[in-house]
Amino acid sequence: MANYEIVKKIVVLGGKPDGVTKEINIAKWGVYDPIIDIRRWQGDIASKGISLKREEAQKLLDALKTALEEEEK
């Protein structure tokens, strides 16, 4: 498994009784710059997830805001 460091915990989106959580964090994987990281965790064990650069995260945020606003209409 790759070496990682959680630079900042942003939010736990949800979890299960078995200790698996879905989280959004700022993480540093290996020698790479910190990125926004969305994935499942079981304790310190990372599952598959998605990593986003700041620009990608901003596009996702904008798209979600638009979609949720349209859904409320």
N, C-alpha and C. Protein backbone atom coordinates (compact mmCIF):
# COMPACT_ATOMS: atom_id res chain seq x y z
N MET A 1 0.84 -1.19 0.00
CA MET A 1 0.00 0.00 0.00
C MET A 1 0.88 1.24 0.00
N ALA A 2 0.41 2.27 -0.64
CA ALA A 2 1.17 3.52 -0.74
C ALA A 2 1.28 4.19 0.63
N ASN A 3 2.34 4.91 0.81
CA ASN A 3 2.55 5.70 2.01
C ASN A 3 1.66 6.93 1.92
N TYR A 4 0.91 7.24 3.00
CA TYR A 4 0.02 8.39 2.97
C TYR A 4 0.06 9.14 4.31
N GLU A 5 -0.40 10.39 4.24
CA GLU A 5 -0.55 11.21 5.43
C GLU A 5 -1.84 11.99 5.29
N ILE A 6 -2.71 11.92 6.28
CA ILE A 6 -3.91 12.75 6.29
C ILE A 6 -3.48 14.12 6.81
N VAL A 7 -3.48 15.09 5.93
CA VAL A 7 -3.05 16.44 6.28
C VAL A 7 -4.15 17.16 7.07
N LYS A 8 -5.41 16.98 6.61
CA LYS A 8 -6.55 17.61 7.28
C LYS A 8 -7.80 16.78 7.05
N LYS A 9 -8.52 16.48 8.12
CA LYS A 9 -9.81 15.81 8.00
C LYS A 9 -10.86 16.87 7.71
N ILE A 10 -11.65 16.66 6.67
CA ILE A 10 -12.68 17.64 6.31
C ILE A 10 -14.03 17.21 6.85
N VAL A 11 -14.48 15.98 6.50
CA VAL A 11 -15.78 15.53 6.98
C VAL A 11 -15.89 14.01 6.84
N VAL A 12 -16.61 13.41 7.77
CA VAL A 12 -17.01 12.01 7.65
C VAL A 12 -18.44 12.05 7.09
N LEU A 13 -18.61 11.52 5.88
CA LEU A 13 -19.91 11.57 5.22
C LEU A 13 -20.89 10.56 5.79
N GLY A 14 -20.38 9.45 6.24
CA GLY A 14 -21.23 8.40 6.79
C GLY A 14 -20.39 7.23 7.24
N GLY A 15 -21.06 6.28 7.85
CA GLY A 15 -20.33 5.12 8.32
C GLY A 15 -21.25 3.95 8.55
N LYS A 16 -20.64 2.82 8.86
CA LYS A 16 -21.36 1.58 9.14
C LYS A 16 -20.95 1.09 10.52
N PRO A 17 -21.77 0.26 11.12
CA PRO A 17 -21.44 -0.26 12.45
C PRO A 17 -20.11 -1.02 12.51
N ASP A 18 -19.65 -1.56 11.37
CA ASP A 18 -18.39 -2.32 11.36
C ASP A 18 -17.16 -1.42 11.35
N GLY A 19 -17.37 -0.08 11.41
CA GLY A 19 -16.24 0.84 11.47
C GLY A 19 -15.80 1.40 10.14
N VAL A 20 -16.46 1.03 9.05
CA VAL A 20 -16.12 1.58 7.73
C VAL A 20 -16.75 2.95 7.60
N THR A 21 -15.95 3.95 7.22
CA THR A 21 -16.46 5.31 7.06
C THR A 21 -16.16 5.82 5.66
N LYS A 22 -17.01 6.73 5.18
CA LYS A 22 -16.73 7.47 3.94
C LYS A 22 -16.28 8.85 4.38
N GLU A 23 -15.11 9.27 3.89
CA GLU A 23 -14.52 10.51 4.37
C GLU A 23 -14.02 11.38 3.22
N ILE A 24 -14.00 12.68 3.48
CA ILE A 24 -13.31 13.62 2.60
C ILE A 24 -12.18 14.22 3.43
N ASN A 25 -10.97 14.10 2.92
CA ASN A 25 -9.78 14.58 3.60
C ASN A 25 -8.86 15.28 2.62
N ILE A 26 -7.93 16.04 3.16
CA ILE A 26 -6.77 16.49 2.39
C ILE A 26 -5.69 15.47 2.72
N ALA A 27 -5.19 14.78 1.71
CA ALA A 27 -4.23 13.70 1.94
C ALA A 27 -3.00 13.87 1.05
N LYS A 28 -1.91 13.39 1.54
CA LYS A 28 -0.66 13.39 0.78
C LYS A 28 -0.30 11.92 0.57
N TRP A 29 -0.26 11.50 -0.67
CA TRP A 29 0.05 10.12 -1.03
C TRP A 29 1.48 10.06 -1.56
N GLY A 30 2.33 9.33 -0.88
CA GLY A 30 3.72 9.21 -1.32
C GLY A 30 4.41 10.56 -1.35
N VAL A 31 5.10 10.83 -2.45
CA VAL A 31 5.87 12.08 -2.57
C VAL A 31 5.07 13.20 -3.24
N TYR A 32 3.79 12.93 -3.54
CA TYR A 32 2.98 13.89 -4.28
C TYR A 32 2.42 14.97 -3.37
N ASP A 33 2.03 16.10 -3.98
CA ASP A 33 1.43 17.21 -3.23
C ASP A 33 0.09 16.78 -2.63
N PRO A 34 -0.32 17.41 -1.53
CA PRO A 34 -1.63 17.09 -0.94
C PRO A 34 -2.76 17.35 -1.92
N ILE A 35 -3.79 16.50 -1.86
CA ILE A 35 -4.94 16.59 -2.74
C ILE A 35 -6.21 16.33 -1.92
N ILE A 36 -7.35 16.64 -2.51
CA ILE A 36 -8.62 16.32 -1.87
C ILE A 36 -8.91 14.86 -2.18
N ASP A 37 -9.20 14.12 -1.13
CA ASP A 37 -9.31 12.67 -1.22
C ASP A 37 -10.66 12.22 -0.69
N ILE A 38 -11.41 11.48 -1.49
CA ILE A 38 -12.72 10.96 -1.10
C ILE A 38 -12.65 9.44 -1.19
N ARG A 39 -12.83 8.76 -0.06
CA ARG A 39 -12.75 7.29 -0.08
C ARG A 39 -13.32 6.69 1.20
N ARG A 40 -13.45 5.37 1.18
CA ARG A 40 -13.85 4.62 2.36
C ARG A 40 -12.61 4.24 3.16
N TRP A 41 -12.77 4.24 4.47
CA TRP A 41 -11.70 3.85 5.38
C TRP A 41 -12.23 2.84 6.38
N GLN A 42 -11.39 1.91 6.75
CA GLN A 42 -11.69 1.02 7.87
C GLN A 42 -10.50 1.14 8.81
N GLY A 43 -10.67 2.02 9.79
CA GLY A 43 -9.54 2.36 10.64
C GLY A 43 -8.50 3.10 9.82
N ASP A 44 -7.29 2.56 9.76
CA ASP A 44 -6.21 3.17 8.98
C ASP A 44 -6.05 2.55 7.60
N ILE A 45 -6.98 1.68 7.22
CA ILE A 45 -6.89 0.99 5.94
C ILE A 45 -7.77 1.70 4.90
N ALA A 46 -7.13 2.16 3.83
CA ALA A 46 -7.81 2.89 2.77
C ALA A 46 -8.38 1.94 1.73
N SER A 47 -9.63 2.18 1.33
CA SER A 47 -10.23 1.46 0.21
C SER A 47 -10.03 2.29 -1.05
N LYS A 48 -10.54 1.77 -2.17
CA LYS A 48 -10.45 2.55 -3.41
C LYS A 48 -11.23 3.84 -3.24
N GLY A 49 -10.74 4.88 -3.86
CA GLY A 49 -11.41 6.16 -3.76
C GLY A 49 -11.05 7.04 -4.94
N ILE A 50 -11.25 8.33 -4.76
CA ILE A 50 -10.96 9.29 -5.81
C ILE A 50 -10.17 10.44 -5.20
N SER A 51 -9.19 10.91 -5.94
CA SER A 51 -8.38 12.05 -5.53
C SER A 51 -8.58 13.17 -6.54
N LEU A 52 -8.77 14.38 -6.03
CA LEU A 52 -9.07 15.51 -6.89
C LEU A 52 -8.10 16.66 -6.63
N LYS A 53 -7.65 17.28 -7.71
CA LYS A 53 -6.91 18.53 -7.58
C LYS A 53 -7.92 19.60 -7.18
N ARG A 54 -7.43 20.72 -6.69
CA ARG A 54 -8.32 21.79 -6.24
C ARG A 54 -9.29 22.21 -7.33
N GLU A 55 -8.81 22.37 -8.56
CA GLU A 55 -9.66 22.80 -9.67
C GLU A 55 -10.76 21.77 -9.95
N GLU A 56 -10.42 20.49 -9.87
CA GLU A 56 -11.40 19.43 -10.09
C GLU A 56 -12.45 19.44 -8.98
N ALA A 57 -12.01 19.64 -7.75
CA ALA A 57 -12.94 19.70 -6.62
C ALA A 57 -13.89 20.88 -6.76
N GLN A 58 -13.39 22.01 -7.25
CA GLN A 58 -14.24 23.19 -7.44
C GLN A 58 -15.29 22.91 -8.50
N LYS A 59 -14.91 22.25 -9.60
CA LYS A 59 -15.89 21.89 -10.64
C LYS A 59 -16.96 20.95 -10.08
N LEU A 60 -16.54 19.98 -9.26
CA LEU A 60 -17.48 19.04 -8.65
C LEU A 60 -18.44 19.80 -7.73
N LEU A 61 -17.91 20.68 -6.90
CA LEU A 61 -18.74 21.48 -5.99
C LEU A 61 -19.76 22.31 -6.76
N ASP A 62 -19.31 22.99 -7.81
CA ASP A 62 -20.22 23.81 -8.63
C ASP A 62 -21.31 22.96 -9.27
N ALA A 63 -20.92 21.80 -9.80
CA ALA A 63 -21.89 20.91 -10.45
C ALA A 63 -22.91 20.38 -9.45
N LEU A 64 -22.46 20.02 -8.25
CA LEU A 64 -23.37 19.52 -7.22
C LEU A 64 -24.34 20.61 -6.76
N LYS A 65 -23.83 21.82 -6.58
CA LYS A 65 -24.70 22.93 -6.19
C LYS A 65 -25.79 23.15 -7.24
N THR A 66 -25.40 23.17 -8.50
CA THR A 66 -26.37 23.37 -9.59
C THR A 66 -27.39 22.25 -9.62
N ALA A 67 -26.93 21.01 -9.53
CA ALA A 67 -27.83 19.86 -9.58
C ALA A 67 -28.80 19.86 -8.40
N LEU A 68 -28.32 20.18 -7.21
CA LEU A 68 -29.18 20.19 -6.03
C LEU A 68 -30.17 21.34 -6.07
N GLU A 69 -29.75 22.48 -6.58
CA GLU A 69 -30.67 23.62 -6.72
C GLU A 69 -31.78 23.30 -7.72
N GLU A 70 -31.42 22.66 -8.84
CA GLU A 70 -32.41 22.28 -9.85
C GLU A 70 -33.38 21.25 -9.30
N GLU A 71 -32.86 20.37 -8.47
CA GLU A 71 -33.71 19.32 -7.87
C GLU A 71 -34.75 19.91 -6.93
N GLU A 72 -34.43 21.02 -6.27
CA GLU A 72 -35.35 21.66 -5.33
C GLU A 72 -36.50 22.36 -6.03
N LYS A 73 -36.35 22.66 -7.31
CA LYS A 73 -37.39 23.40 -8.05
C LYS A 73 -38.57 22.53 -8.35
